[in-house]
Amino acid sequence: MSPHPTEIPEDDLPGGDAPQTLDALRTAIMRQYDDASRRMKQVASFVLDKPEDVAFETLAVVAERADVQPSTLVRFAKTLGYAGASQMQKVIRDELLSSHISLAYGERARAFGASEAIGEEGLSTILDEFAEADILALNHLRQSVSADQIRTSVEAIIAAENVYIAGFRRAFPVASYLAYALQRAGKRVVFLDGAGGLWEQQARGIRAEDLLIAISFRPYAEETVRCHALALERGAQVLSITDSNVSPLVKPGHQSLLLRESEVRAFRSLTAPLCLAQSLVVAYAFANAPEG
């Protein structure tokens, strides 16, 4: 892997008002996301979700993984004020290099994805790959979700009269665990399990005094997205557990906990989301414990 991404010809002059930190870059992308074209949204999602790839791969590789032309990446960077894509890559790369965990996650995860064959060692290698990928995902979780976010999430759970929990399809195990554990911790919980296809009827009881915890990852479950929209209509608070700043569950004024699932051979693990769910429950139990 070359330490200096290759790019198609572009201006070498620095971008005038272009974002100079990763946080500023994310903010700028989100600010223009809704009005962007389909291709630009595709690039925006890739930059937000896979910053390691953007930072440390060549422009040709980034374009291939984002399923766009290299020229589209250049146009995207210029809409943010950069002279070209290499300046955007440098901003991301400089910040990631300050964190050895992020760098290790990106490089090592790509190494795991480089081979599709099981290899001579046989099926036993699968366990090693999933265990290592989950370790990397858990390290990333520690970086992406802060103690302040856990605290404010727990405060929202405590303040809510009822906690509604929605998580369908792949997210169902996380949602069901969270519902079970919060009930065991003494919180009034309504689990939107969708039994008999009645998830919408179950969700219609939500009120402004309640909290919806919505859990979904790409491709986002339609049922969860619709429960999320219904909660917003009712004026309820929403806590989203999802995987991207451009997830349909991320809305201004509401809390979002973003994480990255581990993936091995196109199979995604739920280790990191379950760890986050358990952390929320235990933090709630301690915060809500009677004094004395």
Protein backbone atom coordinates (compact mmCIF):
# COMPACT_ATOMS: atom_id res chain seq x y z
CA MET A 1 0.00 0.00 0.00
CA SER A 2 1.47 3.30 -1.02
CA PRO A 3 1.65 5.95 1.76
CA HIS A 4 0.87 8.62 -0.80
CA PRO A 5 -2.44 8.11 -2.64
CA THR A 6 -2.27 8.50 -6.40
CA GLU A 7 -4.75 10.82 -7.99
CA ILE A 8 -5.78 12.08 -11.37
CA PRO A 9 -4.36 15.50 -12.30
CA GLU A 10 -5.79 18.38 -10.33
CA ASP A 11 -4.83 21.76 -8.96
CA ASP A 12 -1.99 21.76 -6.45
CA LEU A 13 -3.15 24.95 -4.78
CA PRO A 14 -4.59 24.48 -1.29
CA GLY A 15 -8.36 24.72 -0.97
CA GLY A 16 -9.30 28.12 0.43
CA ASP A 17 -12.11 27.59 2.95
CA ALA A 18 -11.99 23.81 2.84
CA PRO A 19 -12.42 21.94 6.16
CA GLN A 20 -9.08 21.35 7.86
CA THR A 21 -10.19 18.78 10.46
CA LEU A 22 -12.11 15.53 10.17
CA ASP A 23 -14.97 16.85 12.30
CA ALA A 24 -15.24 19.96 10.15
CA LEU A 25 -15.22 17.78 7.03
CA ARG A 26 -18.05 15.62 8.38
CA THR A 27 -20.05 18.74 9.25
CA ALA A 28 -19.56 20.19 5.77
CA ILE A 29 -20.62 16.92 4.13
CA MET A 30 -23.77 16.68 6.23
CA ARG A 31 -24.64 20.31 5.53
CA GLN A 32 -24.81 19.74 1.77
CA TYR A 33 -25.93 16.10 1.76
CA ASP A 34 -29.68 16.59 1.30
CA ASP A 35 -29.23 18.74 -1.80
CA ALA A 36 -26.55 16.58 -3.40
CA SER A 37 -27.02 14.40 -6.49
CA ARG A 38 -27.29 10.64 -6.18
CA ARG A 39 -23.63 10.12 -7.11
CA MET A 40 -22.44 12.81 -4.70
CA LYS A 41 -24.50 11.21 -1.91
CA GLN A 42 -22.85 7.92 -2.76
CA VAL A 43 -19.40 9.48 -2.34
CA ALA A 44 -20.47 11.31 0.82
CA SER A 45 -21.65 8.09 2.44
CA PHE A 46 -18.38 6.36 1.56
CA VAL A 47 -16.23 9.19 2.96
CA LEU A 48 -18.24 9.26 6.18
CA ASP A 49 -18.35 5.49 6.64
CA LYS A 50 -14.89 4.47 5.37
CA PRO A 51 -12.45 7.29 6.19
CA GLU A 52 -9.54 4.84 6.45
CA ASP A 53 -10.04 3.74 2.86
CA VAL A 54 -10.21 7.33 1.65
CA ALA A 55 -7.10 8.29 3.60
CA PHE A 56 -4.76 5.42 2.81
CA GLU A 57 -5.78 4.03 -0.57
CA THR A 58 -5.11 5.39 -4.04
CA LEU A 59 -7.78 7.47 -5.70
CA ALA A 60 -8.42 4.65 -8.17
CA VAL A 61 -9.03 2.15 -5.36
CA VAL A 62 -11.28 4.57 -3.46
CA ALA A 63 -13.30 5.18 -6.63
CA GLU A 64 -13.66 1.46 -7.24
CA ARG A 65 -14.82 0.76 -3.69
CA ALA A 66 -17.24 3.69 -3.76
CA ASP A 67 -18.46 2.52 -7.19
CA VAL A 68 -17.86 5.90 -8.85
CA GLN A 69 -15.39 7.38 -11.31
CA PRO A 70 -12.21 9.04 -9.95
CA SER A 71 -13.37 12.29 -11.51
CA THR A 72 -16.49 12.13 -9.31
CA LEU A 73 -14.27 12.05 -6.21
CA VAL A 74 -12.43 15.11 -7.46
CA ARG A 75 -15.71 16.98 -8.08
CA PHE A 76 -16.93 15.99 -4.64
CA ALA A 77 -13.78 17.33 -2.98
CA LYS A 78 -14.08 20.59 -4.91
CA THR A 79 -17.67 21.11 -3.73
CA LEU A 80 -16.21 21.17 -0.20
CA GLY A 81 -13.65 23.82 -1.11
CA TYR A 82 -10.59 21.63 -1.75
CA ALA A 83 -8.47 22.09 -4.85
CA GLY A 84 -8.75 18.36 -5.46
CA ALA A 85 -9.20 14.95 -3.86
CA SER A 86 -5.63 14.67 -2.54
CA GLN A 87 -6.14 17.65 -0.22
CA MET A 88 -9.25 16.02 1.24
CA GLN A 89 -7.36 12.73 1.64
CA LYS A 90 -4.54 14.53 3.48
CA VAL A 91 -6.93 16.07 6.02
CA ILE A 92 -8.40 12.65 6.81
CA ARG A 93 -5.02 10.89 6.78
CA ASP A 94 -3.33 13.40 9.11
CA GLU A 95 -6.07 13.00 11.71
CA LEU A 96 -6.20 9.22 11.53
CA LEU A 97 -2.43 8.97 11.85
CA SER A 98 -2.74 10.63 15.27
CA SER A 99 -4.76 7.63 16.42
CA HIS A 100 -2.97 4.30 16.11
CA ILE A 101 -6.21 2.40 16.82
CA SER A 102 -7.99 3.91 13.84
CA LEU A 103 -5.02 3.25 11.62
CA ALA A 104 -4.75 -0.34 12.80
CA TYR A 105 -8.45 -0.89 12.25
CA GLY A 106 -8.36 0.30 8.67
CA GLU A 107 -5.19 -1.50 7.63
CA ARG A 108 -5.91 -4.78 9.38
CA ALA A 109 -9.55 -4.93 8.32
CA ARG A 110 -8.46 -4.50 4.68
CA ALA A 111 -5.96 -7.32 5.15
CA PHE A 112 -8.74 -9.64 6.29
CA GLY A 113 -10.89 -8.69 3.34
CA ALA A 114 -8.12 -9.25 0.83
CA SER A 115 -8.55 -13.02 0.73
CA GLU A 116 -11.79 -14.72 -0.19
CA ALA A 117 -10.52 -18.30 0.04
CA ILE A 118 -10.58 -20.18 3.33
CA GLY A 119 -7.04 -21.43 2.80
CA GLU A 120 -5.12 -24.57 3.67
CA GLU A 121 -5.79 -24.24 7.40
CA GLY A 122 -9.41 -25.11 6.75
CA LEU A 123 -12.53 -23.97 8.54
CA SER A 124 -10.69 -23.25 11.81
CA THR A 125 -9.43 -19.98 10.32
CA ILE A 126 -12.99 -18.62 10.26
CA LEU A 127 -13.08 -18.40 14.07
CA ASP A 128 -9.77 -16.54 14.12
CA GLU A 129 -10.94 -14.07 11.49
CA PHE A 130 -14.24 -13.31 13.19
CA ALA A 131 -12.61 -12.98 16.62
CA GLU A 132 -9.97 -10.59 15.28
CA ALA A 133 -12.53 -8.55 13.34
CA ASP A 134 -14.72 -8.25 16.44
CA ILE A 135 -11.75 -7.09 18.51
CA LEU A 136 -11.10 -4.36 15.95
CA ALA A 137 -14.79 -3.37 15.93
CA LEU A 138 -14.83 -3.14 19.72
CA ASN A 139 -11.73 -0.94 19.67
CA HIS A 140 -13.43 1.28 17.13
CA LEU A 141 -16.55 1.42 19.33
CA ARG A 142 -14.46 2.78 22.20
CA GLN A 143 -13.37 5.64 19.94
CA SER A 144 -16.67 6.40 18.23
CA VAL A 145 -18.94 6.49 21.30
CA SER A 146 -17.84 8.77 24.13
CA ALA A 147 -18.54 8.64 27.85
CA ASP A 148 -20.57 11.85 27.47
CA GLN A 149 -22.77 10.16 24.87
CA ILE A 150 -23.38 7.21 27.19
CA ARG A 151 -24.27 9.59 30.02
CA THR A 152 -26.73 11.64 27.95
CA SER A 153 -28.29 8.45 26.57
CA VAL A 154 -28.81 7.10 30.09
CA GLU A 155 -30.29 10.44 31.16
CA ALA A 156 -32.78 10.19 28.30
CA ILE A 157 -33.75 6.65 29.36
CA ILE A 158 -34.25 7.77 32.98
CA ALA A 159 -36.32 10.82 31.95
CA ALA A 160 -38.65 8.85 29.66
CA GLU A 161 -41.98 7.63 31.02
CA ASN A 162 -41.76 4.60 28.73
CA VAL A 163 -38.97 3.36 26.51
CA TYR A 164 -40.06 1.97 23.16
CA ILE A 165 -37.50 -0.21 21.39
CA ALA A 166 -37.51 -0.93 17.65
CA GLY A 167 -35.00 -3.07 15.81
CA PHE A 168 -36.03 -5.37 12.99
CA ARG A 169 -34.28 -7.92 10.76
CA ARG A 170 -30.53 -8.02 11.53
CA ALA A 171 -30.91 -5.63 14.48
CA PHE A 172 -33.63 -7.73 16.15
CA PRO A 173 -31.23 -9.60 18.53
CA VAL A 174 -29.85 -6.28 19.79
CA ALA A 175 -33.33 -4.80 20.27
CA SER A 176 -34.68 -7.87 22.04
CA TYR A 177 -31.70 -7.99 24.42
CA LEU A 178 -32.06 -4.27 25.19
CA ALA A 179 -35.80 -4.66 25.89
CA TYR A 180 -35.22 -7.67 28.14
CA ALA A 181 -32.34 -6.13 30.07
CA LEU A 182 -33.94 -2.72 30.61
CA GLN A 183 -37.07 -4.40 31.93
CA ARG A 184 -34.92 -6.44 34.31
CA ALA A 185 -33.31 -3.16 35.43
CA GLY A 186 -36.74 -1.78 36.34
CA LYS A 187 -37.57 0.41 33.33
CA ARG A 188 -40.99 0.39 31.70
CA VAL A 189 -40.34 -0.90 28.20
CA VAL A 190 -42.50 -1.47 25.13
CA PHE A 191 -40.76 -3.86 22.74
CA LEU A 192 -41.90 -3.33 19.17
CA ASP A 193 -41.38 -6.89 18.05
CA GLY A 194 -43.79 -6.69 15.10
CA ALA A 195 -45.48 -9.99 15.98
CA GLY A 196 -48.21 -10.72 13.44
CA GLY A 197 -47.08 -7.72 11.39
CA LEU A 198 -48.53 -5.36 14.02
CA TRP A 199 -45.43 -3.22 14.57
CA GLU A 200 -47.20 -0.03 13.44
CA GLN A 201 -50.10 -0.61 15.82
CA GLN A 202 -47.62 -1.28 18.62
CA ALA A 203 -45.78 1.96 17.88
CA ARG A 204 -48.89 4.15 17.87
CA GLY A 205 -48.94 4.25 21.65
CA ILE A 206 -45.78 6.35 21.82
CA ARG A 207 -46.18 9.84 23.30
CA ALA A 208 -44.10 12.97 23.78
CA GLU A 209 -43.09 11.82 27.26
CA ASP A 210 -41.58 8.62 25.89
CA LEU A 211 -38.28 7.65 24.28
CA LEU A 212 -37.82 5.49 21.19
CA ILE A 213 -34.57 3.57 20.89
CA ALA A 214 -34.29 2.77 17.17
CA ILE A 215 -31.65 0.28 16.01
CA SER A 216 -30.84 -0.38 12.37
CA PHE A 217 -27.86 -0.85 10.07
CA ARG A 218 -27.49 -0.88 6.31
CA PRO A 219 -29.66 -1.81 4.52
CA TYR A 220 -31.96 -0.02 6.95
CA ALA A 221 -35.10 -1.91 7.92
CA GLU A 222 -38.18 -0.11 6.63
CA GLU A 223 -40.13 -0.99 9.77
CA THR A 224 -37.56 0.69 12.01
CA VAL A 225 -37.38 3.77 9.79
CA ARG A 226 -41.17 4.13 9.90
CA CYS A 227 -41.31 3.67 13.67
CA HIS A 228 -38.64 6.35 13.92
CA ALA A 229 -40.70 8.74 11.77
CA LEU A 230 -43.83 8.03 13.81
CA ALA A 231 -42.02 8.79 17.07
CA LEU A 232 -40.86 12.12 15.67
CA GLU A 233 -44.42 12.94 14.60
CA ARG A 234 -45.62 12.26 18.15
CA GLY A 235 -42.97 14.55 19.61
CA ALA A 236 -41.09 11.78 21.39
CA GLN A 237 -37.35 11.80 21.94
CA VAL A 238 -35.34 9.37 19.84
CA LEU A 239 -32.06 7.59 20.56
CA SER A 240 -30.69 5.94 17.42
CA ILE A 241 -28.09 3.18 17.30
CA THR A 242 -26.88 3.02 13.72
CA ASP A 243 -23.82 3.01 11.48
CA SER A 244 -23.61 6.28 9.55
CA ASN A 245 -24.14 10.01 9.79
CA VAL A 246 -26.36 9.71 6.72
CA SER A 247 -28.50 6.92 8.18
CA PRO A 248 -32.24 7.72 7.97
CA LEU A 249 -32.28 7.34 11.77
CA VAL A 250 -29.98 10.32 12.31
CA LYS A 251 -31.96 13.53 12.81
CA PRO A 252 -30.90 16.94 14.16
CA GLY A 253 -31.84 17.51 17.78
CA HIS A 254 -31.90 13.84 18.66
CA GLN A 255 -29.20 11.53 19.97
CA SER A 256 -27.36 9.07 17.76
CA LEU A 257 -24.76 6.49 18.71
CA LEU A 258 -22.73 5.52 15.66
CA LEU A 259 -20.70 2.35 15.45
CA ARG A 260 -19.10 0.10 12.89
CA GLU A 261 -20.00 -3.56 12.66
CA SER A 262 -17.22 -6.02 11.96
CA GLU A 263 -17.44 -7.84 8.64
CA VAL A 264 -15.69 -11.03 7.51
CA ARG A 265 -16.30 -12.58 4.09
CA ALA A 266 -19.46 -10.45 3.64
CA PHE A 267 -20.90 -11.64 6.99
CA ARG A 268 -21.46 -8.89 9.56
CA SER A 269 -21.23 -9.43 13.30
CA LEU A 270 -23.40 -7.95 16.06
CA THR A 271 -20.68 -8.01 18.73
CA ALA A 272 -20.17 -4.23 18.84
CA PRO A 273 -23.91 -3.32 18.89
CA LEU A 274 -24.56 -5.88 21.65
CA CYS A 275 -21.63 -4.52 23.65
CA LEU A 276 -23.05 -1.01 23.32
CA ALA A 277 -26.53 -2.20 24.35
CA GLN A 278 -25.15 -3.97 27.41
CA SER A 279 -23.13 -0.89 28.36
CA LEU A 280 -26.26 1.27 28.20
CA VAL A 281 -28.20 -1.14 30.42
CA VAL A 282 -25.49 -1.43 33.07
CA ALA A 283 -24.90 2.33 33.07
CA TYR A 284 -28.64 2.86 33.50
CA ALA A 285 -28.81 0.36 36.36
CA PHE A 286 -26.02 2.13 38.25
CA ALA A 287 -27.37 5.63 37.54
CA ASN A 288 -30.89 4.65 38.61
CA ALA A 289 -29.90 2.68 41.70
CA PRO A 290 -31.40 4.00 44.98
CA GLU A 291 -28.98 5.85 47.20
CA GLY A 292 -27.96 4.52 50.54
